[in-house]
Amino acid sequence: MKSTGMVKRIDELGRIVLPKNVRQPMGIDTGDSVEIFTDGDRIILKKFQSSCIFCGEADGVIFFNEKRVCKACLEKLKTL
């Protein structure tokens, strides 16, 4: 994990600002959605992607091992 050296204060509504120089390398733009994960005492933010990680299809996507996979790709994986 890479430290940015930045410390941000949480406001009265529980919000923090993600600086542009942190968002840009991750491809996160204004208006994008992020997913929130926890891992022990860590909070992890990840750019939200609602499509299949293999083919990019957005319809019929389900979670498989915390990854989004469409039903067609899931069927292909079963044949491996």
C-alpha atoms as a PDB file:
ATOM      1  CA  MET A   1       0.000   0.000   0.000  1.00  0.00           C
ATOM      2  CA  LYS A   2       1.320   3.419  -0.942  1.00  0.00           C
ATOM      3  CA  SER A   3       1.052   6.334   1.491  1.00  0.00           C
ATOM      4  CA  THR A   4       0.102   9.718   0.079  1.00  0.00           C
ATOM      5  CA  GLY A   5       1.301  11.581   3.164  1.00  0.00           C
ATOM      6  CA  MET A   6      -2.040  13.421   3.256  1.00  0.00           C
ATOM      7  CA  VAL A   7      -4.348  13.595   6.236  1.00  0.00           C
ATOM      8  CA  LYS A   8      -7.968  14.631   5.679  1.00  0.00           C
ATOM      9  CA  ARG A   9     -10.541  15.576   8.281  1.00  0.00           C
ATOM     10  CA  ILE A  10     -14.027  14.046   8.167  1.00  0.00           C
ATOM     11  CA  ASP A  11     -16.719  16.758   8.195  1.00  0.00           C
ATOM     12  CA  GLU A  12     -19.893  16.786  10.306  1.00  0.00           C
ATOM     13  CA  LEU A  13     -21.738  14.781   7.625  1.00  0.00           C
ATOM     14  CA  GLY A  14     -19.064  12.068   7.487  1.00  0.00           C
ATOM     15  CA  ARG A  15     -17.555  13.260   4.203  1.00  0.00           C
ATOM     16  CA  ILE A  16     -13.963  13.541   3.064  1.00  0.00           C
ATOM     17  CA  VAL A  17     -12.503  15.062  -0.082  1.00  0.00           C
ATOM     18  CA  LEU A  18     -10.455  12.844  -2.375  1.00  0.00           C
ATOM     19  CA  PRO A  19      -7.885  15.174  -3.927  1.00  0.00           C
ATOM     20  CA  LYS A  20      -7.623  15.299  -7.696  1.00  0.00           C
ATOM     21  CA  ASN A  21      -4.024  14.047  -7.643  1.00  0.00           C
ATOM     22  CA  VAL A  22      -5.271  10.892  -5.856  1.00  0.00           C
ATOM     23  CA  ARG A  23      -8.339  10.385  -8.083  1.00  0.00           C
ATOM     24  CA  GLN A  24      -6.691  11.020 -11.475  1.00  0.00           C
ATOM     25  CA  PRO A  25      -4.259   8.070 -11.510  1.00  0.00           C
ATOM     26  CA  MET A  26      -7.154   5.800 -10.509  1.00  0.00           C
ATOM     27  CA  GLY A  27      -9.377   7.064 -13.327  1.00  0.00           C
ATOM     28  CA  ILE A  28     -11.943   8.457 -10.885  1.00  0.00           C
ATOM     29  CA  ASP A  29     -13.666  11.600 -12.157  1.00  0.00           C
ATOM     30  CA  THR A  30     -16.230  13.954 -10.667  1.00  0.00           C
ATOM     31  CA  GLY A  31     -19.586  12.177 -10.638  1.00  0.00           C
ATOM     32  CA  ASP A  32     -18.122   8.654 -10.694  1.00  0.00           C
ATOM     33  CA  SER A  33     -19.198   6.134  -8.085  1.00  0.00           C
ATOM     34  CA  VAL A  34     -16.830   4.340  -5.741  1.00  0.00           C
ATOM     35  CA  GLU A  35     -17.278   1.106  -3.830  1.00  0.00           C
ATOM     36  CA  ILE A  36     -16.394   0.977  -0.149  1.00  0.00           C
ATOM     37  CA  PHE A  37     -14.761  -2.122   1.336  1.00  0.00           C
ATOM     38  CA  THR A  38     -13.379  -2.844   4.779  1.00  0.00           C
ATOM     39  CA  ASP A  39     -10.438  -5.100   5.591  1.00  0.00           C
ATOM     40  CA  GLY A  40      -9.784  -5.266   9.304  1.00  0.00           C
ATOM     41  CA  ASP A  41      -9.006  -1.692  10.328  1.00  0.00           C
ATOM     42  CA  ARG A  42      -8.733  -0.451   6.713  1.00  0.00           C
ATOM     43  CA  ILE A  43     -11.280   1.326   4.554  1.00  0.00           C
ATOM     44  CA  ILE A  44     -10.730   0.692   0.845  1.00  0.00           C
ATOM     45  CA  LEU A  45     -12.248   2.784  -1.936  1.00  0.00           C
ATOM     46  CA  LYS A  46     -12.407   1.404  -5.460  1.00  0.00           C
ATOM     47  CA  LYS A  47     -13.866   2.865  -8.637  1.00  0.00           C
ATOM     48  CA  PHE A  48     -17.257   1.262  -9.171  1.00  0.00           C
ATOM     49  CA  GLN A  49     -17.602  -0.820 -12.315  1.00  0.00           C
ATOM     50  CA  SER A  50     -20.980  -2.397 -12.923  1.00  0.00           C
ATOM     51  CA  SER A  51     -19.864  -4.491 -15.882  1.00  0.00           C
ATOM     52  CA  CYS A  52     -18.277  -7.918 -16.261  1.00  0.00           C
ATOM     53  CA  ILE A  53     -14.537  -7.903 -15.573  1.00  0.00           C
ATOM     54  CA  PHE A  54     -13.930 -10.153 -18.586  1.00  0.00           C
ATOM     55  CA  CYS A  55     -16.123  -8.897 -21.430  1.00  0.00           C
ATOM     56  CA  GLY A  56     -17.528  -5.572 -20.207  1.00  0.00           C
ATOM     57  CA  GLU A  57     -21.163  -6.684 -20.524  1.00  0.00           C
ATOM     58  CA  ALA A  58     -23.465  -4.832 -18.111  1.00  0.00           C
ATOM     59  CA  ASP A  59     -26.549  -7.096 -18.293  1.00  0.00           C
ATOM     60  CA  GLY A  60     -26.943 -10.156 -16.094  1.00  0.00           C
ATOM     61  CA  VAL A  61     -23.883  -9.411 -13.959  1.00  0.00           C
ATOM     62  CA  ILE A  62     -23.509 -11.297 -10.681  1.00  0.00           C
ATOM     63  CA  PHE A  63     -20.838 -11.338  -7.976  1.00  0.00           C
ATOM     64  CA  PHE A  64     -18.347 -14.207  -8.060  1.00  0.00           C
ATOM     65  CA  ASN A  65     -15.547 -14.057  -5.466  1.00  0.00           C
ATOM     66  CA  GLU A  66     -16.175 -10.307  -5.022  1.00  0.00           C
ATOM     67  CA  LYS A  67     -15.824  -9.715  -8.786  1.00  0.00           C
ATOM     68  CA  ARG A  68     -18.559  -8.867 -11.289  1.00  0.00           C
ATOM     69  CA  VAL A  69     -18.990 -11.567 -13.911  1.00  0.00           C
ATOM     70  CA  CYS A  70     -21.762 -11.898 -16.504  1.00  0.00           C
ATOM     71  CA  LYS A  71     -23.600 -15.184 -16.780  1.00  0.00           C
ATOM     72  CA  ALA A  72     -22.066 -15.946 -20.195  1.00  0.00           C
ATOM     73  CA  CYS A  73     -18.500 -15.591 -18.903  1.00  0.00           C
ATOM     74  CA  LEU A  74     -19.387 -17.569 -15.791  1.00  0.00           C
ATOM     75  CA  GLU A  75     -20.540 -20.425 -18.024  1.00  0.00           C
ATOM     76  CA  LYS A  76     -17.278 -20.236 -19.967  1.00  0.00           C
ATOM     77  CA  LEU A  77     -15.316 -20.386 -16.708  1.00  0.00           C
ATOM     78  CA  LYS A  78     -17.175 -23.552 -15.732  1.00  0.00           C
ATOM     79  CA  THR A  79     -15.759 -25.302 -18.796  1.00  0.00           C
ATOM     80  CA  LEU A  80     -12.137 -24.673 -17.820  1.00  0.00           C
END
